[in-house]
PDB file of N, CA and C in Angstrom:
ATOM      1  N   ASP A   1       0.984  -0.980  -0.221  1.00  0.00           N
ATOM      2  CA  ASP A   1       0.009   0.034   0.537  1.00  0.00           C
ATOM      3  C   ASP A   1       0.952   1.259   0.152  1.00  0.00           C
ATOM      4  N   THR A   2       0.102   2.331  -0.288  1.00  0.00           N
ATOM      5  CA  THR A   2       0.643   3.603  -0.021  1.00  0.00           C
ATOM      6  C   THR A   2       0.865   4.576   0.273  1.00  0.00           C
ATOM      7  N   LEU A   3       1.255   5.683   0.843  1.00  0.00           N
ATOM      8  CA  LEU A   3       0.909   6.914   1.707  1.00  0.00           C
ATOM      9  C   LEU A   3       1.013   8.318   1.369  1.00  0.00           C
ATOM     10  N   GLY A   4      -0.043   9.176   1.840  1.00  0.00           N
ATOM     11  CA  GLY A   4       0.149  10.424   1.661  1.00  0.00           C
ATOM     12  C   GLY A   4       0.668  11.125   2.885  1.00  0.00           C
ATOM     13  N   GLY A   5       0.083  12.856   2.348  1.00  0.00           N
ATOM     14  CA  GLY A   5       0.421  13.342   3.287  1.00  0.00           C
ATOM     15  C   GLY A   5       0.904  14.952   3.385  1.00  0.00           C
ATOM     16  N   VAL A   6       0.760  15.312   4.066  1.00  0.00           N
ATOM     17  CA  VAL A   6       1.101  16.607   4.607  1.00  0.00           C
ATOM     18  C   VAL A   6       2.427  17.159   4.069  1.00  0.00           C
ATOM     19  N   VAL A   7       3.289  18.394   3.434  1.00  0.00           N
ATOM     20  CA  VAL A   7       4.554  18.919   3.636  1.00  0.00           C
ATOM     21  C   VAL A   7       3.572  20.296   3.947  1.00  0.00           C
ATOM     22  N   GLU A   8       5.028  21.034   5.015  1.00  0.00           N
ATOM     23  CA  GLU A   8       4.643  22.224   5.318  1.00  0.00           C
ATOM     24  C   GLU A   8       6.231  23.139   4.874  1.00  0.00           C
ATOM     25  N   VAL A   9       5.250  23.959   3.856  1.00  0.00           N
ATOM     26  CA  VAL A   9       6.960  24.993   3.410  1.00  0.00           C
ATOM     27  C   VAL A   9       6.808  26.234   4.242  1.00  0.00           C
ATOM     28  N   LEU A  10       7.986  26.693   4.735  1.00  0.00           N
ATOM     29  CA  LEU A  10       8.017  28.079   5.831  1.00  0.00           C
ATOM     30  C   LEU A  10       9.817  28.564   5.534  1.00  0.00           C
ATOM     31  N   ALA A  11       8.615  29.754   4.990  1.00  0.00           N
ATOM     32  CA  ALA A  11      10.251  30.998   4.395  1.00  0.00           C
ATOM     33  C   ALA A  11      10.884  32.297   5.076  1.00  0.00           C
ATOM     34  N   TYR A  12      11.804  32.381   5.910  1.00  0.00           N
ATOM     35  CA  TYR A  12      11.697  33.395   6.778  1.00  0.00           C
ATOM     36  C   TYR A  12      12.535  34.383   5.609  1.00  0.00           C
ATOM     37  N   GLY A  13      12.235  35.767   6.472  1.00  0.00           N
ATOM     38  CA  GLY A  13      13.220  37.296   5.482  1.00  0.00           C
ATOM     39  C   GLY A  13      12.469  36.820   3.985  1.00  0.00           C
ATOM     40  N   VAL A  14      11.583  37.123   3.678  1.00  0.00           N
ATOM     41  CA  VAL A  14      10.750  37.290   2.689  1.00  0.00           C
ATOM     42  C   VAL A  14      10.118  38.539   2.791  1.00  0.00           C
ATOM     43  N   PRO A  15      10.437  39.334   1.684  1.00  0.00           N
ATOM     44  CA  PRO A  15      10.592  40.439   1.713  1.00  0.00           C
ATOM     45  C   PRO A  15       9.385  40.941   0.987  1.00  0.00           C
ATOM     46  N   VAL A  16       8.634  42.590   2.002  1.00  0.00           N
ATOM     47  CA  VAL A  16       7.463  42.768   2.323  1.00  0.00           C
ATOM     48  C   VAL A  16       7.367  43.194   0.409  1.00  0.00           C
ATOM     49  N   GLY A  17       5.862  43.200   0.071  1.00  0.00           N
ATOM     50  CA  GLY A  17       5.824  43.441  -1.480  1.00  0.00           C
ATOM     51  C   GLY A  17       5.936  42.678  -2.185  1.00  0.00           C
ATOM     52  N   LEU A  18       6.016  41.291  -2.464  1.00  0.00           N
ATOM     53  CA  LEU A  18       6.329  40.677  -3.328  1.00  0.00           C
ATOM     54  C   LEU A  18       4.677  39.821  -3.793  1.00  0.00           C
ATOM     55  N   GLY A  19       4.599  40.197  -5.187  1.00  0.00           N
ATOM     56  CA  GLY A  19       3.158  39.760  -5.667  1.00  0.00           C
ATOM     57  C   GLY A  19       1.913  40.540  -5.949  1.00  0.00           C
ATOM     58  N   SER A  20       1.400  40.874  -6.327  1.00  0.00           N
ATOM     59  CA  SER A  20       0.225  41.704  -6.874  1.00  0.00           C
ATOM     60  C   SER A  20      -1.093  41.894  -6.140  1.00  0.00           C
ATOM     61  N   HIS A  21      -1.219  42.817  -5.581  1.00  0.00           N
ATOM     62  CA  HIS A  21      -3.038  42.868  -5.063  1.00  0.00           C
ATOM     63  C   HIS A  21      -4.111  43.346  -6.596  1.00  0.00           C
ATOM     64  N   VAL A  22      -3.496  43.217  -7.728  1.00  0.00           N
ATOM     65  CA  VAL A  22      -4.259  43.809  -8.945  1.00  0.00           C
ATOM     66  C   VAL A  22      -4.048  42.818  -9.578  1.00  0.00           C
ATOM     67  N   HIS A  23      -3.060  41.784 -10.291  1.00  0.00           N
ATOM     68  CA  HIS A  23      -3.109  41.229 -11.106  1.00  0.00           C
ATOM     69  C   HIS A  23      -3.444  40.149 -10.997  1.00  0.00           C
ATOM     70  N   TRP A  24      -3.941  39.164 -10.965  1.00  0.00           N
ATOM     71  CA  TRP A  24      -4.613  38.213 -10.543  1.00  0.00           C
ATOM     72  C   TRP A  24      -3.309  37.390 -11.080  1.00  0.00           C
ATOM     73  N   ASP A  25      -2.818  37.079 -11.739  1.00  0.00           N
ATOM     74  CA  ASP A  25      -1.563  36.127 -12.089  1.00  0.00           C
ATOM     75  C   ASP A  25      -0.252  36.406 -11.525  1.00  0.00           C
ATOM     76  N   ARG A  26      -0.220  36.819 -11.251  1.00  0.00           N
ATOM     77  CA  ARG A  26       0.801  37.800 -10.135  1.00  0.00           C
ATOM     78  C   ARG A  26       0.700  37.945  -8.660  1.00  0.00           C
ATOM     79  N   ARG A  27      -0.552  37.510  -8.278  1.00  0.00           N
ATOM     80  CA  ARG A  27      -0.873  37.240  -6.450  1.00  0.00           C
ATOM     81  C   ARG A  27       0.319  35.928  -6.648  1.00  0.00           C
ATOM     82  N   LEU A  28       0.787  36.519  -5.216  1.00  0.00           N
ATOM     83  CA  LEU A  28       2.341  35.667  -4.768  1.00  0.00           C
ATOM     84  C   LEU A  28       1.085  34.425  -4.184  1.00  0.00           C
ATOM     85  N   ASP A  29       0.088  34.500  -3.376  1.00  0.00           N
ATOM     86  CA  ASP A  29      -0.608  33.352  -3.020  1.00  0.00           C
ATOM     87  C   ASP A  29      -0.864  32.478  -3.930  1.00  0.00           C
ATOM     88  N   ALA A  30      -1.756  32.944  -5.737  1.00  0.00           N
ATOM     89  CA  ALA A  30      -2.271  32.324  -6.524  1.00  0.00           C
ATOM     90  C   ALA A  30      -0.760  31.581  -7.090  1.00  0.00           C
ATOM     91  N   ARG A  31       0.675  32.492  -6.847  1.00  0.00           N
ATOM     92  CA  ARG A  31       1.734  31.960  -7.699  1.00  0.00           C
ATOM     93  C   ARG A  31       2.319  30.678  -6.922  1.00  0.00           C
ATOM     94  N   LEU A  32       2.077  30.847  -5.543  1.00  0.00           N
ATOM     95  CA  LEU A  32       2.226  29.213  -4.775  1.00  0.00           C
ATOM     96  C   LEU A  32       1.641  28.427  -5.032  1.00  0.00           C
ATOM     97  N   ALA A  33       0.272  28.087  -5.032  1.00  0.00           N
ATOM     98  CA  ALA A  33      -0.320  27.304  -5.255  1.00  0.00           C
ATOM     99  C   ALA A  33      -0.457  26.656  -6.588  1.00  0.00           C
ATOM    100  N   ALA A  34      -0.379  27.340  -7.654  1.00  0.00           N
ATOM    101  CA  ALA A  34      -0.565  26.664  -8.481  1.00  0.00           C
ATOM    102  C   ALA A  34       0.655  25.860  -9.263  1.00  0.00           C
ATOM    103  N   ALA A  35       1.978  26.351  -8.239  1.00  0.00           N
ATOM    104  CA  ALA A  35       3.569  25.810  -8.202  1.00  0.00           C
ATOM    105  C   ALA A  35       3.403  24.351  -7.498  1.00  0.00           C
ATOM    106  N   LEU A  36       2.789  24.853  -6.679  1.00  0.00           N
ATOM    107  CA  LEU A  36       2.578  23.370  -5.420  1.00  0.00           C
ATOM    108  C   LEU A  36       1.834  22.172  -6.214  1.00  0.00           C
ATOM    109  N   MET A  37       0.668  22.714  -6.765  1.00  0.00           N
ATOM    110  CA  MET A  37      -0.617  21.982  -7.453  1.00  0.00           C
ATOM    111  C   MET A  37      -0.141  21.453  -8.968  1.00  0.00           C
ATOM    112  N   GLY A  38       0.687  21.871  -9.624  1.00  0.00           N
ATOM    113  CA  GLY A  38       1.766  21.260 -10.524  1.00  0.00           C
ATOM    114  C   GLY A  38       2.393  19.886 -10.047  1.00  0.00           C
ATOM    115  N   ILE A  39       2.631  19.911  -8.950  1.00  0.00           N
ATOM    116  CA  ILE A  39       2.995  18.654  -8.529  1.00  0.00           C
ATOM    117  C   ILE A  39       2.280  17.477  -8.461  1.00  0.00           C
ATOM    118  N   GLN A  40       2.870  16.658  -8.596  1.00  0.00           N
ATOM    119  CA  GLN A  40       1.863  14.976  -9.272  1.00  0.00           C
ATOM    120  C   GLN A  40       1.632  14.855  -7.450  1.00  0.00           C
ATOM    121  N   ALA A  41       0.200  14.563  -7.960  1.00  0.00           N
ATOM    122  CA  ALA A  41      -0.741  13.953  -6.374  1.00  0.00           C
ATOM    123  C   ALA A  41      -1.028  15.202  -5.186  1.00  0.00           C
ATOM    124  N   ILE A  42      -0.436  16.329  -5.679  1.00  0.00           N
ATOM    125  CA  ILE A  42      -0.762  17.739  -4.807  1.00  0.00           C
ATOM    126  C   ILE A  42      -2.549  17.737  -5.008  1.00  0.00           C
ATOM    127  N   LYS A  43      -3.212  17.156  -3.823  1.00  0.00           N
ATOM    128  CA  LYS A  43      -4.921  17.305  -4.032  1.00  0.00           C
ATOM    129  C   LYS A  43      -5.077  19.133  -2.988  1.00  0.00           C
ATOM    130  N   GLY A  44      -4.034  19.247  -2.453  1.00  0.00           N
ATOM    131  CA  GLY A  44      -4.923  20.495  -1.722  1.00  0.00           C
ATOM    132  C   GLY A  44      -3.854  21.481  -1.418  1.00  0.00           C
ATOM    133  N   VAL A  45      -3.892  23.153  -1.145  1.00  0.00           N
ATOM    134  CA  VAL A  45      -3.314  23.320  -1.263  1.00  0.00           C
ATOM    135  C   VAL A  45      -3.631  24.361  -0.014  1.00  0.00           C
ATOM    136  N   GLU A  46      -2.830  25.032   1.012  1.00  0.00           N
ATOM    137  CA  GLU A  46      -3.197  25.788   2.642  1.00  0.00           C
ATOM    138  C   GLU A  46      -2.501  26.991   2.765  1.00  0.00           C
ATOM    139  N   VAL A  47      -2.478  28.082   2.605  1.00  0.00           N
ATOM    140  CA  VAL A  47      -1.344  29.271   3.142  1.00  0.00           C
ATOM    141  C   VAL A  47      -1.897  29.874   4.254  1.00  0.00           C
ATOM    142  N   GLY A  48      -1.524  29.977   5.395  1.00  0.00           N
ATOM    143  CA  GLY A  48      -1.339  29.915   6.632  1.00  0.00           C
ATOM    144  C   GLY A  48      -2.396  29.299   7.201  1.00  0.00           C
ATOM    145  N   ASP A  49      -3.493  29.802   7.625  1.00  0.00           N
ATOM    146  CA  ASP A  49      -4.160  28.944   8.711  1.00  0.00           C
ATOM    147  C   ASP A  49      -5.722  28.586   7.525  1.00  0.00           C
ATOM    148  N   GLY A  50      -5.364  28.643   6.450  1.00  0.00           N
ATOM    149  CA  GLY A  50      -6.426  28.919   5.431  1.00  0.00           C
ATOM    150  C   GLY A  50      -7.651  28.334   5.694  1.00  0.00           C
ATOM    151  N   PHE A  51      -7.765  26.426   6.179  1.00  0.00           N
ATOM    152  CA  PHE A  51      -8.459  25.397   6.233  1.00  0.00           C
ATOM    153  C   PHE A  51      -9.828  26.129   7.663  1.00  0.00           C
ATOM    154  N   GLU A  52      -9.031  26.411   8.741  1.00  0.00           N
ATOM    155  CA  GLU A  52      -9.202  26.673  10.052  1.00  0.00           C
ATOM    156  C   GLU A  52     -10.221  28.068   9.595  1.00  0.00           C
ATOM    157  N   LEU A  53      -9.679  29.144   9.155  1.00  0.00           N
ATOM    158  CA  LEU A  53     -10.240  30.209   8.393  1.00  0.00           C
ATOM    159  C   LEU A  53     -11.488  30.424   8.277  1.00  0.00           C
ATOM    160  N   ALA A  54     -11.527  29.400   7.645  1.00  0.00           N
ATOM    161  CA  ALA A  54     -13.005  29.293   6.864  1.00  0.00           C
ATOM    162  C   ALA A  54     -14.366  28.804   8.128  1.00  0.00           C
ATOM    163  N   ARG A  55     -14.042  28.502   9.038  1.00  0.00           N
ATOM    164  CA  ARG A  55     -14.642  27.861  10.132  1.00  0.00           C
ATOM    165  C   ARG A  55     -15.364  29.553  11.069  1.00  0.00           C
ATOM    166  N   VAL A  56     -14.478  30.515  11.326  1.00  0.00           N
ATOM    167  CA  VAL A  56     -14.353  31.120  12.297  1.00  0.00           C
ATOM    168  C   VAL A  56     -15.028  32.749  11.735  1.00  0.00           C
ATOM    169  N   PRO A  57     -15.568  33.542  12.663  1.00  0.00           N
ATOM    170  CA  PRO A  57     -16.014  34.925  11.690  1.00  0.00           C
ATOM    171  C   PRO A  57     -14.757  35.771  11.514  1.00  0.00           C
ATOM    172  N   GLY A  58     -14.790  36.686  10.763  1.00  0.00           N
ATOM    173  CA  GLY A  58     -13.547  37.748  10.368  1.00  0.00           C
ATOM    174  C   GLY A  58     -13.033  38.355  11.496  1.00  0.00           C
ATOM    175  N   SER A  59     -13.746  38.699  12.869  1.00  0.00           N
ATOM    176  CA  SER A  59     -13.044  39.460  13.777  1.00  0.00           C
ATOM    177  C   SER A  59     -12.108  38.294  14.418  1.00  0.00           C
ATOM    178  N   GLN A  60     -11.514  36.576  14.359  1.00  0.00           N
ATOM    179  CA  GLN A  60     -11.247  36.031  14.507  1.00  0.00           C
ATOM    180  C   GLN A  60      -9.982  35.282  13.532  1.00  0.00           C
ATOM    181  N   ALA A  61     -10.498  36.037  12.369  1.00  0.00           N
ATOM    182  CA  ALA A  61      -9.886  35.596  10.937  1.00  0.00           C
ATOM    183  C   ALA A  61      -8.031  36.405  10.798  1.00  0.00           C
ATOM    184  N   HIS A  62      -8.660  37.896  11.017  1.00  0.00           N
ATOM    185  CA  HIS A  62      -7.678  38.272  10.332  1.00  0.00           C
ATOM    186  C   HIS A  62      -6.219  39.057  11.604  1.00  0.00           C
ATOM    187  N   ASP A  63      -5.144  39.050  11.168  1.00  0.00           N
ATOM    188  CA  ASP A  63      -4.218  39.350  11.799  1.00  0.00           C
ATOM    189  C   ASP A  63      -3.506  41.032  12.065  1.00  0.00           C
ATOM    190  N   GLU A  64      -3.541  40.636  13.036  1.00  0.00           N
ATOM    191  CA  GLU A  64      -3.767  42.801  13.884  1.00  0.00           C
ATOM    192  C   GLU A  64      -2.547  43.352  13.454  1.00  0.00           C
ATOM    193  N   ILE A  65      -2.587  44.098  12.793  1.00  0.00           N
ATOM    194  CA  ILE A  65      -1.565  45.149  12.683  1.00  0.00           C
ATOM    195  C   ILE A  65      -1.256  45.715  14.034  1.00  0.00           C
ATOM    196  N   VAL A  66       0.162  46.210  14.338  1.00  0.00           N
ATOM    197  CA  VAL A  66       0.491  46.872  15.545  1.00  0.00           C
ATOM    198  C   VAL A  66       1.631  47.900  15.415  1.00  0.00           C
ATOM    199  N   PRO A  67       2.063  48.916  15.781  1.00  0.00           N
ATOM    200  CA  PRO A  67       2.844  49.360  15.550  1.00  0.00           C
ATOM    201  C   PRO A  67       4.781  48.984  16.705  1.00  0.00           C
ATOM    202  N   THR A  68       5.613  48.990  15.731  1.00  0.00           N
ATOM    203  CA  THR A  68       6.661  48.353  17.146  1.00  0.00           C
ATOM    204  C   THR A  68       7.964  49.668  16.320  1.00  0.00           C
ATOM    205  N   ALA A  69       8.877  49.345  17.001  1.00  0.00           N
ATOM    206  CA  ALA A  69      10.460  50.497  16.941  1.00  0.00           C
ATOM    207  C   ALA A  69      10.915  50.177  15.657  1.00  0.00           C
ATOM    208  N   GLU A  70      10.513  48.718  15.048  1.00  0.00           N
ATOM    209  CA  GLU A  70      10.830  48.527  13.459  1.00  0.00           C
ATOM    210  C   GLU A  70      10.285  48.747  12.554  1.00  0.00           C
ATOM    211  N   GLY A  71       9.237  49.296  12.944  1.00  0.00           N
ATOM    212  CA  GLY A  71       7.957  49.254  11.881  1.00  0.00           C
ATOM    213  C   GLY A  71       6.723  49.022  12.437  1.00  0.00           C
ATOM    214  N   VAL A  72       6.016  48.292  11.106  1.00  0.00           N
ATOM    215  CA  VAL A  72       4.659  47.459  11.533  1.00  0.00           C
ATOM    216  C   VAL A  72       5.034  45.816  11.471  1.00  0.00           C
ATOM    217  N   ARG A  73       3.884  45.610  12.639  1.00  0.00           N
ATOM    218  CA  ARG A  73       4.504  44.143  12.687  1.00  0.00           C
ATOM    219  C   ARG A  73       3.037  43.227  12.863  1.00  0.00           C
ATOM    220  N   ARG A  74       2.590  41.856  12.578  1.00  0.00           N
ATOM    221  CA  ARG A  74       1.371  41.337  12.594  1.00  0.00           C
ATOM    222  C   ARG A  74       1.263  40.661  14.141  1.00  0.00           C
ATOM    223  N   THR A  75       0.814  40.175  15.059  1.00  0.00           N
ATOM    224  CA  THR A  75       0.385  39.974  16.579  1.00  0.00           C
ATOM    225  C   THR A  75       0.425  38.596  15.992  1.00  0.00           C
ATOM    226  N   SER A  76      -0.052  38.023  14.724  1.00  0.00           N
ATOM    227  CA  SER A  76      -0.216  36.112  14.339  1.00  0.00           C
ATOM    228  C   SER A  76      -0.168  35.647  13.351  1.00  0.00           C
ATOM    229  N   GLY A  77       0.048  34.810  13.083  1.00  0.00           N
ATOM    230  CA  GLY A  77       0.504  34.269  11.528  1.00  0.00           C
ATOM    231  C   GLY A  77      -0.369  33.582  10.907  1.00  0.00           C
ATOM    232  N   ARG A  78      -1.989  34.274  11.060  1.00  0.00           N
ATOM    233  CA  ARG A  78      -2.693  33.582  10.288  1.00  0.00           C
ATOM    234  C   ARG A  78      -3.391  33.368   8.581  1.00  0.00           C
ATOM    235  N   SER A  79      -2.372  34.455   8.204  1.00  0.00           N
ATOM    236  CA  SER A  79      -3.086  34.874   6.769  1.00  0.00           C
ATOM    237  C   SER A  79      -1.220  34.404   6.057  1.00  0.00           C
ATOM    238  N   GLY A  80      -0.338  33.660   7.283  1.00  0.00           N
ATOM    239  CA  GLY A  80       0.408  32.708   5.993  1.00  0.00           C
ATOM    240  C   GLY A  80       1.926  33.810   5.867  1.00  0.00           C
ATOM    241  N   GLY A  81       1.727  35.042   5.952  1.00  0.00           N
ATOM    242  CA  GLY A  81       2.757  35.597   5.389  1.00  0.00           C
ATOM    243  C   GLY A  81       2.227  36.481   3.979  1.00  0.00           C
ATOM    244  N   THR A  82       0.734  36.776   3.760  1.00  0.00           N
ATOM    245  CA  THR A  82       0.379  37.221   2.572  1.00  0.00           C
ATOM    246  C   THR A  82      -0.843  37.670   2.771  1.00  0.00           C
ATOM    247  N   GLU A  83      -0.583  38.730   1.940  1.00  0.00           N
ATOM    248  CA  GLU A  83      -2.350  39.715   2.168  1.00  0.00           C
ATOM    249  C   GLU A  83      -2.401  40.306   1.050  1.00  0.00           C
ATOM    250  N   GLY A  84      -3.819  40.010   0.283  1.00  0.00           N
ATOM    251  CA  GLY A  84      -3.961  40.907  -0.504  1.00  0.00           C
ATOM    252  C   GLY A  84      -3.228  40.234  -1.554  1.00  0.00           C
ATOM    253  N   GLY A  85      -2.740  39.346  -1.508  1.00  0.00           N
ATOM    254  CA  GLY A  85      -1.873  39.069  -2.860  1.00  0.00           C
ATOM    255  C   GLY A  85      -0.345  39.386  -2.767  1.00  0.00           C
ATOM    256  N   LEU A  86       0.272  39.896  -1.622  1.00  0.00           N
ATOM    257  CA  LEU A  86       1.413  40.499  -1.776  1.00  0.00           C
ATOM    258  C   LEU A  86       2.246  39.697  -0.334  1.00  0.00           C
ATOM    259  N   SER A  87       3.574  39.336  -0.187  1.00  0.00           N
ATOM    260  CA  SER A  87       3.657  39.119   0.692  1.00  0.00           C
ATOM    261  C   SER A  87       3.779  40.475   1.912  1.00  0.00           C
ATOM    262  N   THR A  88       3.495  40.096   3.217  1.00  0.00           N
ATOM    263  CA  THR A  88       3.537  41.108   4.583  1.00  0.00           C
ATOM    264  C   THR A  88       4.675  41.122   4.943  1.00  0.00           C
ATOM    265  N   GLY A  89       6.370  40.202   4.931  1.00  0.00           N
ATOM    266  CA  GLY A  89       7.279  40.552   5.420  1.00  0.00           C
ATOM    267  C   GLY A  89       7.244  39.333   6.715  1.00  0.00           C
ATOM    268  N   GLU A  90       6.421  39.174   6.820  1.00  0.00           N
ATOM    269  CA  GLU A  90       6.431  38.042   8.064  1.00  0.00           C
ATOM    270  C   GLU A  90       6.565  36.442   7.904  1.00  0.00           C
ATOM    271  N   LEU A  91       6.685  35.768   8.663  1.00  0.00           N
ATOM    272  CA  LEU A  91       6.925  34.232   8.063  1.00  0.00           C
ATOM    273  C   LEU A  91       5.823  33.584   6.678  1.00  0.00           C
ATOM    274  N   LEU A  92       6.430  33.479   5.911  1.00  0.00           N
ATOM    275  CA  LEU A  92       5.544  32.973   4.977  1.00  0.00           C
ATOM    276  C   LEU A  92       5.287  30.982   5.041  1.00  0.00           C
ATOM    277  N   ARG A  93       4.113  30.993   5.240  1.00  0.00           N
ATOM    278  CA  ARG A  93       3.551  29.254   5.484  1.00  0.00           C
ATOM    279  C   ARG A  93       2.607  28.844   4.912  1.00  0.00           C
ATOM    280  N   VAL A  94       3.251  27.612   3.985  1.00  0.00           N
ATOM    281  CA  VAL A  94       2.227  26.863   2.729  1.00  0.00           C
ATOM    282  C   VAL A  94       2.018  25.449   3.120  1.00  0.00           C
ATOM    283  N   ARG A  95       0.508  24.808   2.594  1.00  0.00           N
ATOM    284  CA  ARG A  95       1.184  23.547   3.209  1.00  0.00           C
ATOM    285  C   ARG A  95       0.621  23.015   2.248  1.00  0.00           C
ATOM    286  N   ALA A  96       0.781  21.973   1.628  1.00  0.00           N
ATOM    287  CA  ALA A  96       0.313  21.418   0.297  1.00  0.00           C
ATOM    288  C   ALA A  96       0.564  19.437   1.048  1.00  0.00           C
ATOM    289  N   ALA A  97      -1.116  19.213   0.516  1.00  0.00           N
ATOM    290  CA  ALA A  97      -1.931  17.935   1.040  1.00  0.00           C
ATOM    291  C   ALA A  97      -1.396  16.814  -0.248  1.00  0.00           C
ATOM    292  N   MET A  98      -0.874  15.803   0.036  1.00  0.00           N
ATOM    293  CA  MET A  98      -0.702  14.969  -1.428  1.00  0.00           C
ATOM    294  C   MET A  98      -1.409  13.281  -0.964  1.00  0.00           C
ATOM    295  N   LYS A  99      -2.065  12.766  -2.104  1.00  0.00           N
ATOM    296  CA  LYS A  99      -2.220  11.875  -2.429  1.00  0.00           C
ATOM    297  C   LYS A  99      -1.739  11.027  -1.974  1.00  0.00           C
ATOM    298  N   PRO A 100      -1.837   9.576  -1.719  1.00  0.00           N
ATOM    299  CA  PRO A 100      -1.126   7.954  -2.021  1.00  0.00           C
ATOM    300  C   PRO A 100      -1.515   8.078  -3.551  1.00  0.00           C
ATOM    301  N   ILE A 101       0.019   7.716  -4.278  1.00  0.00           N
ATOM    302  CA  ILE A 101       0.263   7.477  -5.170  1.00  0.00           C
ATOM    303  C   ILE A 101       0.330   6.058  -5.667  1.00  0.00           C
TER     304      ILE A 101
END
């Protein structure tokens, strides 16, 4: 028999502003999902806490933005380091589910 699984990709130090909030084909989250879905047997992609966020109200889904001495930061990583198609500068977190082959 065979096994599937979930792989998680963590990217540290991603600069702010990669991607596009205007062009659908340049959105960072869309490009990451397309690249992962292009791998044989990948059947699902999650950016941040995407699937969990589908079950909570908006007031619990968004990353709060707070000022710091270094600039603005988010208090959580629910969005997985992307927002509106752009990188936020926070930890980029993407998961892909692979079916058994």
